Amino acid sequence: MPPRKEEENQRIRDDRREKILEAAAKLFARKGLAATKIADIAAAADMSHGLVYHYFSSKEEVFSTLVERALDGASMVTHGAHLQPGTPWEQLRWMTARMLEGVRQQPEYFQVVLQAMTSDTVPAELREKALQEGESSRRAMIQLIEAGQKTGEVVAGDPSQLATLFYSCIQGLALSETFKGPLEMTFPTIDQVMRILEP
């Protein structure tokens, strides 16, 4: 009986932590790190200040946790694409599908990472890590583009510029999803996004 009780307590703790992170991601995406307060996070998560502080020592720790999670996810997708079976085009398609799924499910994460890379209010160590991880993912994308160009599956041109264009499209979609207004936008298909790289 006691082990089951501890398992249930752990599940409750995990659920609360996730609720805090989910609420914080939306706030950070819209307001930024500097303008977001623990009180805002507590209110959005429907918890007391004290309960939020039980899980995180500060809003900076919450922000760092979100950035780390987003960077790990992005790295798994871009580097994982190289491990997928098939041609470079099929690997790019697999990667694009995962990115679009991420944009639809958690667009705030893209905004949080962008803030980590560009905001002066973000701790320098976290900004440097975000920039390094971003560059590592970008290099992995460039390698896939170059491989696809060699097989004739990807349009000719500067692979770095093509990667920038591709990522700009993904970030733009994340921004649109984060700040949805009264006008409902039609989300593009994988094939439509892949046309950026089509020969």
N, C-alpha and C. Protein backbone atom coordinates (compact mmCIF):
# COMPACT_ATOMS: atom_id res chain seq x y z
N MET A 1 0.81 -1.21 0.00
CA MET A 1 0.00 0.00 0.00
C MET A 1 0.86 1.28 0.00
N PRO A 2 1.85 1.42 0.90
CA PRO A 2 2.66 2.64 0.91
C PRO A 2 3.35 2.95 -0.42
N PRO A 3 3.93 1.93 -1.13
CA PRO A 3 4.57 2.28 -2.41
C PRO A 3 3.60 2.91 -3.41
N ARG A 4 2.33 2.43 -3.40
CA ARG A 4 1.35 2.99 -4.32
C ARG A 4 1.06 4.45 -3.97
N LYS A 5 1.01 4.75 -2.68
CA LYS A 5 0.78 6.12 -2.23
C LYS A 5 1.92 7.04 -2.68
N GLU A 6 3.14 6.57 -2.58
CA GLU A 6 4.29 7.37 -3.01
C GLU A 6 4.27 7.58 -4.52
N GLU A 7 3.89 6.55 -5.26
CA GLU A 7 3.76 6.69 -6.72
C GLU A 7 2.71 7.73 -7.07
N GLU A 8 1.60 7.73 -6.36
CA GLU A 8 0.55 8.70 -6.60
C GLU A 8 1.02 10.11 -6.26
N ASN A 9 1.74 10.25 -5.16
CA ASN A 9 2.30 11.55 -4.79
C ASN A 9 3.28 12.06 -5.84
N GLN A 10 4.09 11.15 -6.37
CA GLN A 10 5.04 11.55 -7.41
C GLN A 10 4.31 12.00 -8.66
N ARG A 11 3.23 11.29 -9.00
CA ARG A 11 2.44 11.68 -10.18
C ARG A 11 1.86 13.07 -9.98
N ILE A 12 1.36 13.36 -8.80
CA ILE A 12 0.81 14.69 -8.51
C ILE A 12 1.90 15.76 -8.63
N ARG A 13 3.07 15.47 -8.09
CA ARG A 13 4.19 16.43 -8.19
C ARG A 13 4.57 16.68 -9.64
N ASP A 14 4.66 15.60 -10.41
CA ASP A 14 5.02 15.73 -11.84
C ASP A 14 3.96 16.54 -12.59
N ASP A 15 2.69 16.27 -12.30
CA ASP A 15 1.59 17.00 -12.96
C ASP A 15 1.64 18.49 -12.63
N ARG A 16 1.89 18.81 -11.37
CA ARG A 16 1.97 20.22 -10.96
C ARG A 16 3.14 20.92 -11.64
N ARG A 17 4.25 20.25 -11.69
CA ARG A 17 5.44 20.84 -12.33
C ARG A 17 5.16 21.13 -13.80
N GLU A 18 4.52 20.17 -14.47
CA GLU A 18 4.18 20.35 -15.89
C GLU A 18 3.19 21.50 -16.07
N LYS A 19 2.24 21.61 -15.16
CA LYS A 19 1.25 22.69 -15.24
C LYS A 19 1.93 24.05 -15.11
N ILE A 20 2.90 24.14 -14.22
CA ILE A 20 3.66 25.38 -14.05
C ILE A 20 4.42 25.71 -15.33
N LEU A 21 5.10 24.72 -15.88
CA LEU A 21 5.90 24.94 -17.09
C LEU A 21 5.01 25.33 -18.28
N GLU A 22 3.88 24.68 -18.40
CA GLU A 22 2.96 24.98 -19.51
C GLU A 22 2.43 26.41 -19.40
N ALA A 23 2.04 26.81 -18.20
CA ALA A 23 1.55 28.18 -17.99
C ALA A 23 2.65 29.19 -18.24
N ALA A 24 3.85 28.90 -17.74
CA ALA A 24 4.99 29.82 -17.88
C ALA A 24 5.40 29.97 -19.34
N ALA A 25 5.37 28.89 -20.11
CA ALA A 25 5.76 28.97 -21.52
C ALA A 25 4.90 29.97 -22.27
N LYS A 26 3.60 29.93 -22.02
CA LYS A 26 2.69 30.86 -22.70
C LYS A 26 2.96 32.30 -22.27
N LEU A 27 3.21 32.49 -20.98
CA LEU A 27 3.48 33.85 -20.49
C LEU A 27 4.81 34.38 -21.03
N PHE A 28 5.85 33.57 -20.97
CA PHE A 28 7.16 34.01 -21.47
C PHE A 28 7.10 34.32 -22.97
N ALA A 29 6.35 33.50 -23.71
CA ALA A 29 6.24 33.72 -25.16
C ALA A 29 5.58 35.07 -25.45
N ARG A 30 4.60 35.45 -24.65
CA ARG A 30 3.86 36.69 -24.90
C ARG A 30 4.47 37.91 -24.23
N LYS A 31 4.98 37.75 -23.01
CA LYS A 31 5.44 38.90 -22.24
C LYS A 31 6.95 39.02 -22.13
N GLY A 32 7.67 37.91 -22.34
CA GLY A 32 9.11 37.92 -22.17
C GLY A 32 9.50 37.60 -20.73
N LEU A 33 10.76 37.31 -20.55
CA LEU A 33 11.27 36.95 -19.22
C LEU A 33 11.17 38.12 -18.25
N ALA A 34 11.60 39.30 -18.67
CA ALA A 34 11.66 40.45 -17.76
C ALA A 34 10.28 40.85 -17.25
N ALA A 35 9.27 40.82 -18.11
CA ALA A 35 7.93 41.30 -17.73
C ALA A 35 7.09 40.24 -17.02
N THR A 36 7.52 39.00 -17.04
CA THR A 36 6.75 37.93 -16.39
C THR A 36 7.18 37.80 -14.94
N LYS A 37 6.21 37.70 -14.05
CA LYS A 37 6.49 37.56 -12.62
C LYS A 37 6.03 36.18 -12.14
N ILE A 38 6.60 35.75 -11.04
CA ILE A 38 6.16 34.48 -10.45
C ILE A 38 4.66 34.53 -10.15
N ALA A 39 4.18 35.71 -9.74
CA ALA A 39 2.74 35.87 -9.46
C ALA A 39 1.92 35.57 -10.71
N ASP A 40 2.41 36.01 -11.88
CA ASP A 40 1.71 35.73 -13.14
C ASP A 40 1.66 34.23 -13.42
N ILE A 41 2.82 33.58 -13.20
CA ILE A 41 2.91 32.14 -13.45
C ILE A 41 1.98 31.38 -12.50
N ALA A 42 2.00 31.78 -11.23
CA ALA A 42 1.14 31.12 -10.23
C ALA A 42 -0.34 31.27 -10.61
N ALA A 43 -0.72 32.48 -11.00
CA ALA A 43 -2.12 32.72 -11.37
C ALA A 43 -2.52 31.91 -12.60
N ALA A 44 -1.63 31.89 -13.61
CA ALA A 44 -1.94 31.15 -14.85
C ALA A 44 -2.00 29.64 -14.60
N ALA A 45 -1.20 29.16 -13.64
CA ALA A 45 -1.21 27.73 -13.31
C ALA A 45 -2.25 27.38 -12.26
N ASP A 46 -2.97 28.42 -11.78
CA ASP A 46 -3.99 28.24 -10.75
C ASP A 46 -3.40 27.61 -9.49
N MET A 47 -2.27 28.20 -9.06
CA MET A 47 -1.57 27.74 -7.86
C MET A 47 -1.16 28.94 -7.02
N SER A 48 -0.76 28.66 -5.79
CA SER A 48 -0.26 29.73 -4.92
C SER A 48 1.20 30.01 -5.25
N HIS A 49 1.68 31.22 -4.85
CA HIS A 49 3.09 31.55 -5.04
C HIS A 49 3.98 30.49 -4.39
N GLY A 50 3.59 30.15 -3.15
CA GLY A 50 4.39 29.20 -2.37
C GLY A 50 4.53 27.86 -3.06
N LEU A 51 3.47 27.40 -3.70
CA LEU A 51 3.52 26.11 -4.38
C LEU A 51 4.45 26.19 -5.60
N VAL A 52 4.41 27.29 -6.32
CA VAL A 52 5.32 27.45 -7.46
C VAL A 52 6.76 27.45 -6.96
N TYR A 53 7.01 28.17 -5.86
CA TYR A 53 8.37 28.22 -5.30
C TYR A 53 8.81 26.87 -4.74
N HIS A 54 7.87 26.01 -4.44
CA HIS A 54 8.21 24.65 -3.99
C HIS A 54 8.88 23.86 -5.12
N TYR A 55 8.49 24.16 -6.36
CA TYR A 55 9.03 23.44 -7.51
C TYR A 55 10.18 24.17 -8.20
N PHE A 56 10.16 25.48 -8.17
CA PHE A 56 11.19 26.28 -8.83
C PHE A 56 11.62 27.43 -7.91
N SER A 57 12.93 27.69 -7.86
CA SER A 57 13.43 28.73 -6.96
C SER A 57 13.19 30.14 -7.49
N SER A 58 12.97 30.28 -8.80
CA SER A 58 12.80 31.60 -9.39
C SER A 58 12.18 31.47 -10.78
N LYS A 59 11.75 32.60 -11.33
CA LYS A 59 11.22 32.58 -12.69
C LYS A 59 12.33 32.25 -13.68
N GLU A 60 13.57 32.64 -13.34
CA GLU A 60 14.71 32.32 -14.21
C GLU A 60 14.93 30.82 -14.31
N GLU A 61 14.71 30.11 -13.20
CA GLU A 61 14.85 28.65 -13.24
C GLU A 61 13.74 28.04 -14.10
N VAL A 62 12.55 28.58 -14.01
CA VAL A 62 11.44 28.10 -14.86
C VAL A 62 11.80 28.32 -16.33
N PHE A 63 12.27 29.53 -16.64
CA PHE A 63 12.63 29.88 -18.01
C PHE A 63 13.74 28.96 -18.52
N SER A 64 14.78 28.77 -17.70
CA SER A 64 15.91 27.91 -18.09
C SER A 64 15.45 26.48 -18.36
N THR A 65 14.55 25.98 -17.52
CA THR A 65 14.02 24.63 -17.70
C THR A 65 13.30 24.51 -19.04
N LEU A 66 12.51 25.52 -19.38
CA LEU A 66 11.79 25.52 -20.66
C LEU A 66 12.76 25.57 -21.83
N VAL A 67 13.78 26.43 -21.73
CA VAL A 67 14.76 26.55 -22.81
C VAL A 67 15.50 25.24 -23.00
N GLU A 68 15.95 24.65 -21.89
CA GLU A 68 16.67 23.37 -21.97
C GLU A 68 15.81 22.30 -22.64
N ARG A 69 14.55 22.23 -22.24
CA ARG A 69 13.63 21.25 -22.81
C ARG A 69 13.44 21.47 -24.31
N ALA A 70 13.25 22.72 -24.69
CA ALA A 70 13.06 23.04 -26.11
C ALA A 70 14.31 22.72 -26.93
N LEU A 71 15.47 23.07 -26.39
CA LEU A 71 16.72 22.81 -27.10
C LEU A 71 16.96 21.31 -27.26
N ASP A 72 16.67 20.54 -26.20
CA ASP A 72 16.83 19.08 -26.28
C ASP A 72 15.91 18.50 -27.36
N GLY A 73 14.67 18.99 -27.39
CA GLY A 73 13.72 18.51 -28.39
C GLY A 73 14.15 18.84 -29.81
N ALA A 74 14.61 20.08 -30.00
CA ALA A 74 15.06 20.51 -31.34
C ALA A 74 16.27 19.71 -31.78
N SER A 75 17.19 19.46 -30.86
CA SER A 75 18.39 18.69 -31.18
C SER A 75 18.04 17.25 -31.56
N MET A 76 17.10 16.66 -30.83
CA MET A 76 16.69 15.29 -31.14
C MET A 76 16.08 15.20 -32.53
N VAL A 77 15.35 16.24 -32.92
CA VAL A 77 14.70 16.23 -34.24
C VAL A 77 15.73 16.42 -35.35
N THR A 78 16.55 17.48 -35.26
CA THR A 78 17.47 17.76 -36.37
C THR A 78 18.58 16.71 -36.47
N HIS A 79 19.11 16.28 -35.34
CA HIS A 79 20.16 15.27 -35.39
C HIS A 79 19.58 13.87 -35.61
N GLY A 80 18.36 13.67 -35.13
CA GLY A 80 17.70 12.38 -35.33
C GLY A 80 17.32 12.13 -36.78
N ALA A 81 17.14 13.21 -37.53
CA ALA A 81 16.79 13.06 -38.95
C ALA A 81 17.87 12.28 -39.70
N HIS A 82 19.13 12.49 -39.33
CA HIS A 82 20.25 11.80 -40.00
C HIS A 82 20.21 10.29 -39.75
N LEU A 83 19.55 9.87 -38.69
CA LEU A 83 19.50 8.45 -38.33
C LEU A 83 18.31 7.73 -38.96
N GLN A 84 17.42 8.50 -39.59
CA GLN A 84 16.23 7.89 -40.20
C GLN A 84 16.61 7.16 -41.49
N PRO A 85 15.91 6.07 -41.79
CA PRO A 85 16.17 5.38 -43.06
C PRO A 85 15.68 6.22 -44.23
N GLY A 86 16.21 5.92 -45.40
CA GLY A 86 15.73 6.59 -46.60
C GLY A 86 16.72 7.61 -47.15
N THR A 87 16.24 8.34 -48.14
CA THR A 87 17.06 9.32 -48.84
C THR A 87 17.14 10.61 -48.02
N PRO A 88 18.05 11.52 -48.38
CA PRO A 88 18.10 12.81 -47.69
C PRO A 88 16.75 13.54 -47.72
N TRP A 89 16.02 13.44 -48.83
CA TRP A 89 14.71 14.10 -48.91
C TRP A 89 13.74 13.50 -47.89
N GLU A 90 13.75 12.18 -47.78
CA GLU A 90 12.88 11.52 -46.80
C GLU A 90 13.26 11.89 -45.37
N GLN A 91 14.56 12.06 -45.13
CA GLN A 91 15.01 12.49 -43.80
C GLN A 91 14.58 13.93 -43.52
N LEU A 92 14.68 14.78 -44.53
CA LEU A 92 14.22 16.17 -44.39
C LEU A 92 12.71 16.22 -44.15
N ARG A 93 12.00 15.36 -44.83
CA ARG A 93 10.54 15.30 -44.66
C ARG A 93 10.19 14.85 -43.24
N TRP A 94 10.91 13.85 -42.74
CA TRP A 94 10.69 13.37 -41.36
C TRP A 94 10.93 14.52 -40.37
N MET A 95 12.01 15.26 -40.58
CA MET A 95 12.35 16.37 -39.71
C MET A 95 11.28 17.47 -39.78
N THR A 96 10.84 17.78 -40.98
CA THR A 96 9.82 18.81 -41.17
C THR A 96 8.51 18.42 -40.47
N ALA A 97 8.14 17.17 -40.59
CA ALA A 97 6.91 16.69 -39.94
C ALA A 97 6.99 16.87 -38.43
N ARG A 98 8.13 16.55 -37.84
CA ARG A 98 8.31 16.70 -36.38
C ARG A 98 8.29 18.17 -35.97
N MET A 99 8.92 19.01 -36.78
CA MET A 99 8.94 20.45 -36.46
C MET A 99 7.54 21.04 -36.52
N LEU A 100 6.78 20.70 -37.56
CA LEU A 100 5.43 21.23 -37.69
C LEU A 100 4.53 20.72 -36.57
N GLU A 101 4.75 19.48 -36.16
CA GLU A 101 4.00 18.93 -35.03
C GLU A 101 4.31 19.74 -33.75
N GLY A 102 5.58 20.07 -33.57
CA GLY A 102 5.99 20.88 -32.42
C GLY A 102 5.38 22.27 -32.46
N VAL A 103 5.35 22.86 -33.66
CA VAL A 103 4.76 24.20 -33.81
C VAL A 103 3.28 24.17 -33.45
N ARG A 104 2.59 23.13 -33.86
CA ARG A 104 1.15 23.05 -33.58
C ARG A 104 0.87 22.76 -32.11
N GLN A 105 1.69 21.92 -31.50
CA GLN A 105 1.42 21.51 -30.13
C GLN A 105 1.95 22.50 -29.09
N GLN A 106 3.15 23.04 -29.33
CA GLN A 106 3.77 23.93 -28.34
C GLN A 106 4.52 25.07 -29.04
N PRO A 107 3.79 25.95 -29.72
CA PRO A 107 4.47 27.04 -30.44
C PRO A 107 5.24 27.97 -29.51
N GLU A 108 4.83 28.02 -28.24
CA GLU A 108 5.49 28.91 -27.28
C GLU A 108 6.96 28.57 -27.11
N TYR A 109 7.30 27.29 -27.25
CA TYR A 109 8.68 26.88 -27.06
C TYR A 109 9.62 27.55 -28.06
N PHE A 110 9.15 27.74 -29.28
CA PHE A 110 9.96 28.41 -30.29
C PHE A 110 10.24 29.85 -29.87
N GLN A 111 9.22 30.51 -29.32
CA GLN A 111 9.37 31.91 -28.89
C GLN A 111 10.31 32.01 -27.69
N VAL A 112 10.22 31.05 -26.78
CA VAL A 112 11.08 31.05 -25.60
C VAL A 112 12.54 30.89 -26.02
N VAL A 113 12.81 29.99 -26.94
CA VAL A 113 14.19 29.80 -27.42
C VAL A 113 14.69 31.05 -28.14
N LEU A 114 13.83 31.65 -28.95
CA LEU A 114 14.20 32.88 -29.65
C LEU A 114 14.56 33.97 -28.64
N GLN A 115 13.79 34.09 -27.57
CA GLN A 115 14.12 35.06 -26.53
C GLN A 115 15.46 34.73 -25.87
N ALA A 116 15.69 33.44 -25.63
CA ALA A 116 16.95 33.03 -25.01
C ALA A 116 18.14 33.43 -25.87
N MET A 117 17.95 33.43 -27.18
CA MET A 117 19.04 33.78 -28.09
C MET A 117 19.23 35.29 -28.26
N THR A 118 18.17 36.06 -28.01
CA THR A 118 18.22 37.48 -28.39
C THR A 118 18.04 38.48 -27.26
N SER A 119 17.46 38.07 -26.14
CA SER A 119 17.13 39.03 -25.09
C SER A 119 18.30 39.31 -24.15
N ASP A 120 18.51 40.56 -23.84
CA ASP A 120 19.56 40.95 -22.90
C ASP A 120 19.22 40.57 -21.46
N THR A 121 17.96 40.26 -21.18
CA THR A 121 17.56 39.91 -19.82
C THR A 121 17.83 38.44 -19.50
N VAL A 122 18.18 37.65 -20.50
CA VAL A 122 18.47 36.23 -20.30
C VAL A 122 19.91 36.09 -19.81
N PRO A 123 20.15 35.24 -18.80
CA PRO A 123 21.52 35.03 -18.34
C PRO A 123 22.45 34.65 -19.49
N ALA A 124 23.65 35.21 -19.48
CA ALA A 124 24.60 35.03 -20.59
C ALA A 124 24.91 33.57 -20.86
N GLU A 125 25.02 32.77 -19.82
CA GLU A 125 25.35 31.35 -19.98
C GLU A 125 24.24 30.61 -20.73
N LEU A 126 23.00 30.95 -20.40
CA LEU A 126 21.86 30.32 -21.08
C LEU A 126 21.78 30.78 -22.53
N ARG A 127 22.02 32.07 -22.76
CA ARG A 127 22.00 32.59 -24.13
C ARG A 127 23.07 31.90 -24.99
N GLU A 128 24.26 31.73 -24.41
CA GLU A 128 25.35 31.09 -25.14
C GLU A 128 25.00 29.64 -25.48
N LYS A 129 24.40 28.95 -24.54
CA LYS A 129 24.00 27.56 -24.80
C LYS A 129 22.94 27.50 -25.90
N ALA A 130 21.97 28.39 -25.85
CA ALA A 130 20.92 28.42 -26.88
C ALA A 130 21.52 28.70 -28.25
N LEU A 131 22.46 29.64 -28.32
CA LEU A 131 23.10 29.97 -29.59
C LEU A 131 23.92 28.78 -30.11
N GLN A 132 24.64 28.10 -29.23
CA GLN A 132 25.44 26.95 -29.64
C GLN A 132 24.56 25.81 -30.14
N GLU A 133 23.49 25.53 -29.39
CA GLU A 133 22.57 24.47 -29.81
C GLU A 133 21.87 24.82 -31.12
N GLY A 134 21.51 26.09 -31.26
CA GLY A 134 20.88 26.53 -32.50
C GLY A 134 21.81 26.36 -33.69
N GLU A 135 23.08 26.70 -33.49
CA GLU A 135 24.05 26.56 -34.58
C GLU A 135 24.30 25.08 -34.90
N SER A 136 24.31 24.24 -33.87
CA SER A 136 24.50 22.80 -34.08
C SER A 136 23.34 22.22 -34.90
N SER A 137 22.12 22.61 -34.57
CA SER A 137 20.95 22.14 -35.33
C SER A 137 20.99 22.66 -36.76
N ARG A 138 21.42 23.91 -36.90
CA ARG A 138 21.51 24.53 -38.23
C ARG A 138 22.53 23.78 -39.10
N ARG A 139 23.67 23.41 -38.52
CA ARG A 139 24.68 22.65 -39.26
C ARG A 139 24.14 21.29 -39.69
N ALA A 140 23.38 20.66 -38.80
CA ALA A 140 22.79 19.35 -39.14
C ALA A 140 21.82 19.50 -40.31
N MET A 141 21.06 20.58 -40.32
CA MET A 141 20.12 20.85 -41.42
C MET A 141 20.90 21.10 -42.72
N ILE A 142 21.96 21.88 -42.64
CA ILE A 142 22.77 22.17 -43.83
C ILE A 142 23.35 20.87 -44.41
N GLN A 143 23.78 19.97 -43.54
CA GLN A 143 24.32 18.68 -44.03
C GLN A 143 23.26 17.89 -44.79
N LEU A 144 22.03 17.90 -44.28
CA LEU A 144 20.95 17.21 -44.98
C LEU A 144 20.66 17.86 -46.34
N ILE A 145 20.68 19.18 -46.36
CA ILE A 145 20.44 19.90 -47.61
C ILE A 145 21.54 19.56 -48.63
N GLU A 146 22.79 19.58 -48.18
CA GLU A 146 23.91 19.25 -49.08
C GLU A 146 23.79 17.83 -49.61
N ALA A 147 23.42 16.90 -48.73
CA ALA A 147 23.25 15.51 -49.16
C ALA A 147 22.12 15.41 -50.18
N GLY A 148 21.04 16.14 -49.94
CA GLY A 148 19.92 16.14 -50.87
C GLY A 148 20.27 16.79 -52.20
N GLN A 149 21.13 17.80 -52.19
CA GLN A 149 21.57 18.43 -53.44
C GLN A 149 22.41 17.47 -54.26
N LYS A 150 23.21 16.65 -53.59
CA LYS A 150 24.05 15.67 -54.30
C LYS A 150 23.21 14.61 -55.00
N THR A 151 22.07 14.27 -54.40
CA THR A 151 21.20 13.26 -55.02
C THR A 151 20.17 13.88 -55.96
N GLY A 152 20.17 15.22 -56.06
CA GLY A 152 19.24 15.91 -56.94
C GLY A 152 17.85 16.08 -56.35
N GLU A 153 17.70 15.78 -55.04
CA GLU A 153 16.38 15.88 -54.40
C GLU A 153 16.09 17.28 -53.86
N VAL A 154 17.13 18.08 -53.66
CA VAL A 154 16.98 19.41 -53.07
C VAL A 154 17.45 20.45 -54.08
N VAL A 155 16.77 21.57 -54.12
CA VAL A 155 17.07 22.65 -55.04
C VAL A 155 18.53 23.10 -54.92
N ALA A 156 19.10 23.50 -56.04
CA ALA A 156 20.47 24.02 -56.03
C ALA A 156 20.48 25.38 -55.33
N GLY A 157 21.61 25.74 -54.79
CA GLY A 157 21.75 27.02 -54.12
C GLY A 157 22.57 26.88 -52.86
N ASP A 158 22.84 28.00 -52.23
CA ASP A 158 23.64 28.02 -51.02
C ASP A 158 22.90 27.29 -49.90
N PRO A 159 23.45 26.17 -49.39
CA PRO A 159 22.77 25.40 -48.35
C PRO A 159 22.49 26.21 -47.08
N SER A 160 23.38 27.12 -46.75
CA SER A 160 23.20 27.96 -45.57
C SER A 160 21.99 28.88 -45.74
N GLN A 161 21.87 29.47 -46.92
CA GLN A 161 20.73 30.35 -47.19
C GLN A 161 19.42 29.56 -47.20
N LEU A 162 19.45 28.36 -47.76
CA LEU A 162 18.25 27.52 -47.80
C LEU A 162 17.83 27.12 -46.39
N ALA A 163 18.81 26.80 -45.53
CA ALA A 163 18.50 26.46 -44.13
C ALA A 163 17.89 27.66 -43.42
N THR A 164 18.43 28.85 -43.68
CA THR A 164 17.88 30.07 -43.07
C THR A 164 16.44 30.29 -43.52
N LEU A 165 16.18 30.12 -44.81
CA LEU A 165 14.83 30.29 -45.34
C LEU A 165 13.87 29.27 -44.72
N PHE A 166 14.31 28.03 -44.61
CA PHE A 166 13.49 26.98 -44.03
C PHE A 166 13.15 27.30 -42.57
N TYR A 167 14.17 27.62 -41.78
CA TYR A 167 13.95 27.92 -40.36
C TYR A 167 13.09 29.17 -40.17
N SER A 168 13.24 30.14 -41.07
CA SER A 168 12.42 31.35 -40.99
C SER A 168 10.94 31.01 -41.18
N CYS A 169 10.67 30.08 -42.07
CA CYS A 169 9.29 29.63 -42.29
C CYS A 169 8.74 28.97 -41.03
N ILE A 170 9.52 28.08 -40.42
CA ILE A 170 9.09 27.37 -39.21
C ILE A 170 8.86 28.36 -38.07
N GLN A 171 9.79 29.30 -37.90
CA GLN A 171 9.64 30.30 -36.83
C GLN A 171 8.44 31.20 -37.06
N GLY A 172 8.21 31.56 -38.31
CA GLY A 172 7.05 32.37 -38.65
C GLY A 172 5.75 31.65 -38.32
N LEU A 173 5.70 30.36 -38.61
CA LEU A 173 4.51 29.56 -38.28
C LEU A 173 4.32 29.48 -36.76
N ALA A 174 5.42 29.33 -36.03
CA ALA A 174 5.33 29.29 -34.56
C ALA A 174 4.82 30.61 -34.02
N LEU A 175 5.29 31.71 -34.59
CA LEU A 175 4.83 33.04 -34.16
C LEU A 175 3.34 33.20 -34.42
N SER A 176 2.90 32.77 -35.60
CA SER A 176 1.47 32.86 -35.95
C SER A 176 0.62 32.02 -35.03
N GLU A 177 1.11 30.83 -34.68
CA GLU A 177 0.35 29.95 -33.78
C GLU A 177 0.30 30.50 -32.36
N THR A 178 1.40 31.14 -31.93
CA THR A 178 1.46 31.69 -30.57
C THR A 178 0.52 32.86 -30.41
N PHE A 179 0.44 33.71 -31.43
CA PHE A 179 -0.34 34.94 -31.33
C PHE A 179 -1.58 34.89 -32.22
N LYS A 180 -2.24 33.76 -32.22
CA LYS A 180 -3.46 33.63 -33.02
C LYS A 180 -4.45 34.71 -32.63
N GLY A 181 -4.96 35.35 -33.62
CA GLY A 181 -5.97 36.38 -33.39
C GLY A 181 -7.34 35.86 -33.75
N PRO A 182 -8.28 36.77 -33.99
CA PRO A 182 -9.64 36.34 -34.33
C PRO A 182 -9.72 35.67 -35.71
N LEU A 183 -8.74 35.95 -36.58
CA LEU A 183 -8.74 35.32 -37.90
C LEU A 183 -8.09 33.95 -37.81
N GLU A 184 -8.81 32.93 -38.19
CA GLU A 184 -8.27 31.57 -38.16
C GLU A 184 -7.42 31.35 -39.42
N MET A 185 -6.16 31.01 -39.20
CA MET A 185 -5.26 30.76 -40.33
C MET A 185 -5.28 29.28 -40.67
N THR A 186 -5.10 28.99 -41.94
CA THR A 186 -4.99 27.61 -42.37
C THR A 186 -3.52 27.21 -42.28
N PHE A 187 -3.26 26.16 -41.53
CA PHE A 187 -1.88 25.71 -41.31
C PHE A 187 -1.39 24.97 -42.55
N PRO A 188 -0.17 25.25 -43.01
CA PRO A 188 0.32 24.58 -44.22
C PRO A 188 0.61 23.10 -43.98
N THR A 189 0.62 22.35 -45.06
CA THR A 189 0.95 20.93 -45.00
C THR A 189 2.46 20.75 -45.04
N ILE A 190 2.90 19.55 -44.76
CA ILE A 190 4.33 19.23 -44.86
C ILE A 190 4.80 19.47 -46.28
N ASP A 191 4.03 19.03 -47.27
CA ASP A 191 4.42 19.19 -48.67
C ASP A 191 4.59 20.66 -49.04
N GLN A 192 3.71 21.51 -48.54
CA GLN A 192 3.82 22.95 -48.85
C GLN A 192 5.10 23.54 -48.27
N VAL A 193 5.43 23.17 -47.05
CA VAL A 193 6.67 23.68 -46.44
C VAL A 193 7.89 23.11 -47.17
N MET A 194 7.81 21.85 -47.56
CA MET A 194 8.95 21.21 -48.25
C MET A 194 9.23 21.83 -49.61
N ARG A 195 8.26 22.54 -50.18
CA ARG A 195 8.47 23.17 -51.49
C ARG A 195 9.60 24.20 -51.46
N ILE A 196 9.92 24.70 -50.27
CA ILE A 196 11.04 25.63 -50.12
C ILE A 196 12.33 24.97 -50.63
N LEU A 197 12.42 23.65 -50.44
CA LEU A 197 13.64 22.93 -50.78
C LEU A 197 13.52 22.10 -52.05
N GLU A 198 12.34 22.12 -52.67
CA GLU A 198 12.09 21.29 -53.84
C GLU A 198 12.85 21.80 -55.07
N PRO A 199 13.45 20.90 -55.83
CA PRO A 199 14.17 21.34 -57.05
C PRO A 199 13.20 21.76 -58.16
